[in-house]
Amino acid sequence: MTLLSSILGFSAFGFGARCFQLGLQKRPIFDAPSGHLISTAAFGVLGYGAFYADKKQTALLAEKKKVLLERREKENLEWQATKGQGHAV
């Protein structure tokens, strides 16, 4: 997911949430546009943060996977060496 689509998606959700809120209160939906702007901007900032949180978590998971694969390979080599010594005796 790109940065722009994250920001726009969260902003659209914020706009929709604001419209739903006003609809529940039976108030005119487009009466006060400043509330829509604030809601859209706040959710856009959340989208920005979510994008970079996802990017950071993906990098951390890739690093962890690399470490685990290296450890597994090392353990497999040790097991093969131990298995070979058991048959030689």
N, C-alpha and C. Protein backbone atom coordinates (compact mmCIF):
# COMPACT_ATOMS: atom_id res chain seq x y z
N MET A 1 0.85 -1.16 0.00
CA MET A 1 0.00 0.00 0.00
C MET A 1 0.90 1.23 0.00
N THR A 2 0.57 2.18 -0.81
CA THR A 2 1.39 3.37 -0.90
C THR A 2 0.98 4.39 0.15
N LEU A 3 1.85 5.34 0.36
CA LEU A 3 1.60 6.38 1.35
C LEU A 3 0.36 7.19 0.98
N LEU A 4 0.24 7.55 -0.28
CA LEU A 4 -0.90 8.36 -0.71
C LEU A 4 -2.22 7.61 -0.53
N SER A 5 -2.24 6.34 -0.87
CA SER A 5 -3.49 5.59 -0.71
C SER A 5 -3.84 5.39 0.76
N SER A 6 -2.84 5.26 1.63
CA SER A 6 -3.12 5.15 3.06
C SER A 6 -3.73 6.44 3.59
N ILE A 7 -3.14 7.56 3.24
CA ILE A 7 -3.65 8.85 3.72
C ILE A 7 -5.05 9.11 3.16
N LEU A 8 -5.24 8.89 1.86
CA LEU A 8 -6.55 9.15 1.26
C LEU A 8 -7.62 8.18 1.78
N GLY A 9 -7.25 6.93 1.99
CA GLY A 9 -8.20 5.96 2.50
C GLY A 9 -8.66 6.30 3.91
N PHE A 10 -7.72 6.62 4.78
CA PHE A 10 -8.07 6.99 6.14
C PHE A 10 -8.85 8.31 6.16
N SER A 11 -8.48 9.24 5.29
CA SER A 11 -9.21 10.51 5.22
C SER A 11 -10.65 10.30 4.78
N ALA A 12 -10.84 9.44 3.80
CA ALA A 12 -12.19 9.15 3.34
C ALA A 12 -13.01 8.49 4.45
N PHE A 13 -12.37 7.61 5.20
CA PHE A 13 -13.07 6.99 6.33
C PHE A 13 -13.45 8.04 7.37
N GLY A 14 -12.55 8.98 7.64
CA GLY A 14 -12.84 10.05 8.59
C GLY A 14 -13.99 10.92 8.13
N PHE A 15 -14.02 11.23 6.85
CA PHE A 15 -15.12 12.02 6.29
C PHE A 15 -16.44 11.26 6.43
N GLY A 16 -16.40 9.97 6.10
CA GLY A 16 -17.61 9.16 6.22
C GLY A 16 -18.07 9.03 7.66
N ALA A 17 -17.12 8.89 8.59
CA ALA A 17 -17.47 8.79 10.00
C ALA A 17 -18.13 10.08 10.49
N ARG A 18 -17.63 11.21 10.04
CA ARG A 18 -18.21 12.49 10.42
C ARG A 18 -19.63 12.63 9.86
N CYS A 19 -19.83 12.23 8.61
CA CYS A 19 -21.16 12.30 8.02
C CYS A 19 -22.11 11.36 8.75
N PHE A 20 -21.64 10.18 9.11
CA PHE A 20 -22.48 9.22 9.85
C PHE A 20 -22.84 9.78 11.22
N GLN A 21 -21.85 10.41 11.88
CA GLN A 21 -22.10 11.01 13.19
C GLN A 21 -23.21 12.07 13.10
N LEU A 22 -23.10 12.95 12.13
CA LEU A 22 -24.11 13.99 11.98
C LEU A 22 -25.47 13.41 11.58
N GLY A 23 -25.46 12.34 10.79
CA GLY A 23 -26.70 11.69 10.42
C GLY A 23 -27.41 11.08 11.62
N LEU A 24 -26.61 10.48 12.52
CA LEU A 24 -27.20 9.92 13.74
C LEU A 24 -27.82 11.00 14.63
N GLN A 25 -27.20 12.15 14.62
CA GLN A 25 -27.70 13.26 15.43
C GLN A 25 -28.82 14.03 14.73
N LYS A 26 -29.13 13.60 13.51
CA LYS A 26 -30.17 14.25 12.69
C LYS A 26 -29.89 15.74 12.48
N ARG A 27 -28.61 16.02 12.25
CA ARG A 27 -28.19 17.39 11.93
C ARG A 27 -27.87 17.46 10.44
N PRO A 28 -27.91 18.64 9.84
CA PRO A 28 -27.54 18.76 8.42
C PRO A 28 -26.09 18.31 8.20
N ILE A 29 -25.90 17.45 7.24
CA ILE A 29 -24.58 16.83 7.05
C ILE A 29 -23.54 17.85 6.60
N PHE A 30 -23.89 18.74 5.70
CA PHE A 30 -22.91 19.69 5.18
C PHE A 30 -23.11 21.10 5.73
N ASP A 31 -23.59 21.20 6.95
CA ASP A 31 -23.85 22.50 7.55
C ASP A 31 -22.56 23.17 8.02
N ALA A 32 -21.67 22.43 8.69
CA ALA A 32 -20.42 23.00 9.22
C ALA A 32 -19.23 22.26 8.60
N PRO A 33 -18.66 22.78 7.53
CA PRO A 33 -17.57 22.07 6.85
C PRO A 33 -16.27 22.01 7.67
N SER A 34 -16.13 22.86 8.68
CA SER A 34 -14.89 22.83 9.46
C SER A 34 -14.75 21.50 10.22
N GLY A 35 -15.85 20.95 10.69
CA GLY A 35 -15.81 19.65 11.37
C GLY A 35 -15.37 18.55 10.44
N HIS A 36 -15.82 18.63 9.18
CA HIS A 36 -15.40 17.64 8.19
C HIS A 36 -13.90 17.77 7.91
N LEU A 37 -13.42 18.98 7.82
CA LEU A 37 -11.99 19.19 7.56
C LEU A 37 -11.14 18.66 8.70
N ILE A 38 -11.57 18.93 9.92
CA ILE A 38 -10.81 18.46 11.08
C ILE A 38 -10.80 16.94 11.14
N SER A 39 -11.96 16.33 10.93
CA SER A 39 -12.06 14.87 10.96
C SER A 39 -11.23 14.24 9.83
N THR A 40 -11.32 14.81 8.65
CA THR A 40 -10.56 14.29 7.51
C THR A 40 -9.06 14.42 7.75
N ALA A 41 -8.63 15.56 8.27
CA ALA A 41 -7.20 15.77 8.53
C ALA A 41 -6.70 14.84 9.64
N ALA A 42 -7.50 14.66 10.69
CA ALA A 42 -7.08 13.80 11.80
C ALA A 42 -6.93 12.35 11.33
N PHE A 43 -7.88 11.87 10.56
CA PHE A 43 -7.77 10.50 10.05
C PHE A 43 -6.67 10.38 9.01
N GLY A 44 -6.38 11.44 8.27
CA GLY A 44 -5.26 11.42 7.33
C GLY A 44 -3.93 11.28 8.06
N VAL A 45 -3.81 11.95 9.20
CA VAL A 45 -2.59 11.81 10.01
C VAL A 45 -2.49 10.38 10.55
N LEU A 46 -3.61 9.79 10.93
CA LEU A 46 -3.60 8.39 11.37
C LEU A 46 -3.15 7.47 10.24
N GLY A 47 -3.60 7.75 9.03
CA GLY A 47 -3.17 6.96 7.87
C GLY A 47 -1.68 7.09 7.61
N TYR A 48 -1.16 8.29 7.79
CA TYR A 48 0.28 8.52 7.63
C TYR A 48 1.06 7.69 8.65
N GLY A 49 0.60 7.73 9.89
CA GLY A 49 1.26 6.95 10.94
C GLY A 49 1.13 5.46 10.72
N ALA A 50 -0.03 5.02 10.26
CA ALA A 50 -0.24 3.59 10.01
C ALA A 50 0.68 3.09 8.89
N PHE A 51 0.89 3.92 7.88
CA PHE A 51 1.77 3.52 6.78
C PHE A 51 3.19 3.27 7.28
N TYR A 52 3.73 4.21 8.07
CA TYR A 52 5.09 4.05 8.54
C TYR A 52 5.21 2.99 9.63
N ALA A 53 4.16 2.77 10.40
CA ALA A 53 4.16 1.68 11.38
C ALA A 53 4.21 0.34 10.65
N ASP A 54 3.44 0.21 9.59
CA ASP A 54 3.44 -1.02 8.80
C ASP A 54 4.81 -1.25 8.16
N LYS A 55 5.39 -0.19 7.65
CA LYS A 55 6.71 -0.30 7.01
C LYS A 55 7.77 -0.75 8.03
N LYS A 56 7.72 -0.17 9.22
CA LYS A 56 8.68 -0.52 10.27
C LYS A 56 8.48 -1.97 10.72
N GLN A 57 7.23 -2.38 10.90
CA GLN A 57 6.95 -3.74 11.34
C GLN A 57 7.36 -4.76 10.29
N THR A 58 7.17 -4.43 9.01
CA THR A 58 7.59 -5.33 7.94
C THR A 58 9.10 -5.52 7.95
N ALA A 59 9.84 -4.44 8.17
CA ALA A 59 11.30 -4.53 8.24
C ALA A 59 11.74 -5.35 9.44
N LEU A 60 11.10 -5.15 10.59
CA LEU A 60 11.45 -5.92 11.78
C LEU A 60 11.14 -7.41 11.59
N LEU A 61 10.02 -7.72 10.96
CA LEU A 61 9.68 -9.12 10.71
C LEU A 61 10.65 -9.76 9.72
N ALA A 62 11.07 -9.02 8.71
CA ALA A 62 12.04 -9.56 7.75
C ALA A 62 13.37 -9.85 8.44
N GLU A 63 13.80 -8.97 9.33
CA GLU A 63 15.05 -9.18 10.06
C GLU A 63 14.93 -10.39 10.98
N LYS A 64 13.80 -10.51 11.66
CA LYS A 64 13.57 -11.65 12.56
C LYS A 64 13.55 -12.95 11.78
N LYS A 65 12.92 -12.95 10.61
CA LYS A 65 12.87 -14.14 9.78
C LYS A 65 14.28 -14.54 9.33
N LYS A 66 15.08 -13.56 8.97
CA LYS A 66 16.46 -13.83 8.55
C LYS A 66 17.25 -14.48 9.68
N VAL A 67 17.11 -13.95 10.90
CA VAL A 67 17.81 -14.51 12.05
C VAL A 67 17.34 -15.94 12.33
N LEU A 68 16.03 -16.17 12.27
CA LEU A 68 15.50 -17.50 12.54
C LEU A 68 15.95 -18.51 11.48
N LEU A 69 15.98 -18.10 10.22
CA LEU A 69 16.45 -19.01 9.16
C LEU A 69 17.92 -19.34 9.32
N GLU A 70 18.73 -18.35 9.71
CA GLU A 70 20.15 -18.61 9.95
C GLU A 70 20.34 -19.57 11.12
N ARG A 71 19.56 -19.36 12.18
CA ARG A 71 19.64 -20.24 13.35
C ARG A 71 19.20 -21.66 12.99
N ARG A 72 18.14 -21.79 12.20
CA ARG A 72 17.66 -23.11 11.78
C ARG A 72 18.71 -23.82 10.94
N GLU A 73 19.35 -23.10 10.03
CA GLU A 73 20.40 -23.69 9.19
C GLU A 73 21.57 -24.18 10.04
N LYS A 74 21.95 -23.38 11.02
CA LYS A 74 23.05 -23.75 11.92
C LYS A 74 22.68 -25.01 12.71
N GLU A 75 21.45 -25.06 13.22
CA GLU A 75 21.01 -26.24 13.97
C GLU A 75 20.94 -27.47 13.09
N ASN A 76 20.52 -27.33 11.84
CA ASN A 76 20.49 -28.45 10.90
C ASN A 76 21.88 -28.98 10.62
N LEU A 77 22.84 -28.08 10.46
CA LEU A 77 24.22 -28.51 10.24
C LEU A 77 24.78 -29.24 11.45
N GLU A 78 24.48 -28.72 12.66
CA GLU A 78 24.94 -29.40 13.88
C GLU A 78 24.28 -30.76 14.02
N TRP A 79 23.01 -30.87 13.67
CA TRP A 79 22.32 -32.14 13.78
C TRP A 79 22.88 -33.15 12.78
N GLN A 80 23.19 -32.67 11.56
CA GLN A 80 23.78 -33.56 10.55
C GLN A 80 25.15 -34.06 11.02
N ALA A 81 25.94 -33.16 11.64
CA ALA A 81 27.26 -33.55 12.14
C ALA A 81 27.11 -34.57 13.27
N THR A 82 26.17 -34.36 14.17
CA THR A 82 25.93 -35.29 15.28
C THR A 82 25.41 -36.62 14.77
N LYS A 83 24.55 -36.61 13.80
CA LYS A 83 23.99 -37.82 13.21
C LYS A 83 25.09 -38.64 12.54
N GLY A 84 26.01 -37.97 11.88
CA GLY A 84 27.12 -38.66 11.23
C GLY A 84 28.07 -39.28 12.23
N GLN A 85 28.29 -38.65 13.37
CA GLN A 85 29.19 -39.20 14.39
C GLN A 85 28.57 -40.42 15.06
N GLY A 86 27.28 -40.45 15.23
CA GLY A 86 26.59 -41.58 15.88
C GLY A 86 26.73 -42.85 15.06
N HIS A 87 26.72 -42.77 13.77
CA HIS A 87 26.86 -43.96 12.91
C HIS A 87 28.30 -44.41 12.78
N ALA A 88 29.22 -43.50 12.95
CA ALA A 88 30.65 -43.86 12.81
C ALA A 88 31.13 -44.70 13.97
N VAL A 89 30.53 -44.64 15.12
CA VAL A 89 30.99 -45.36 16.30
C VAL A 89 30.59 -46.77 16.26
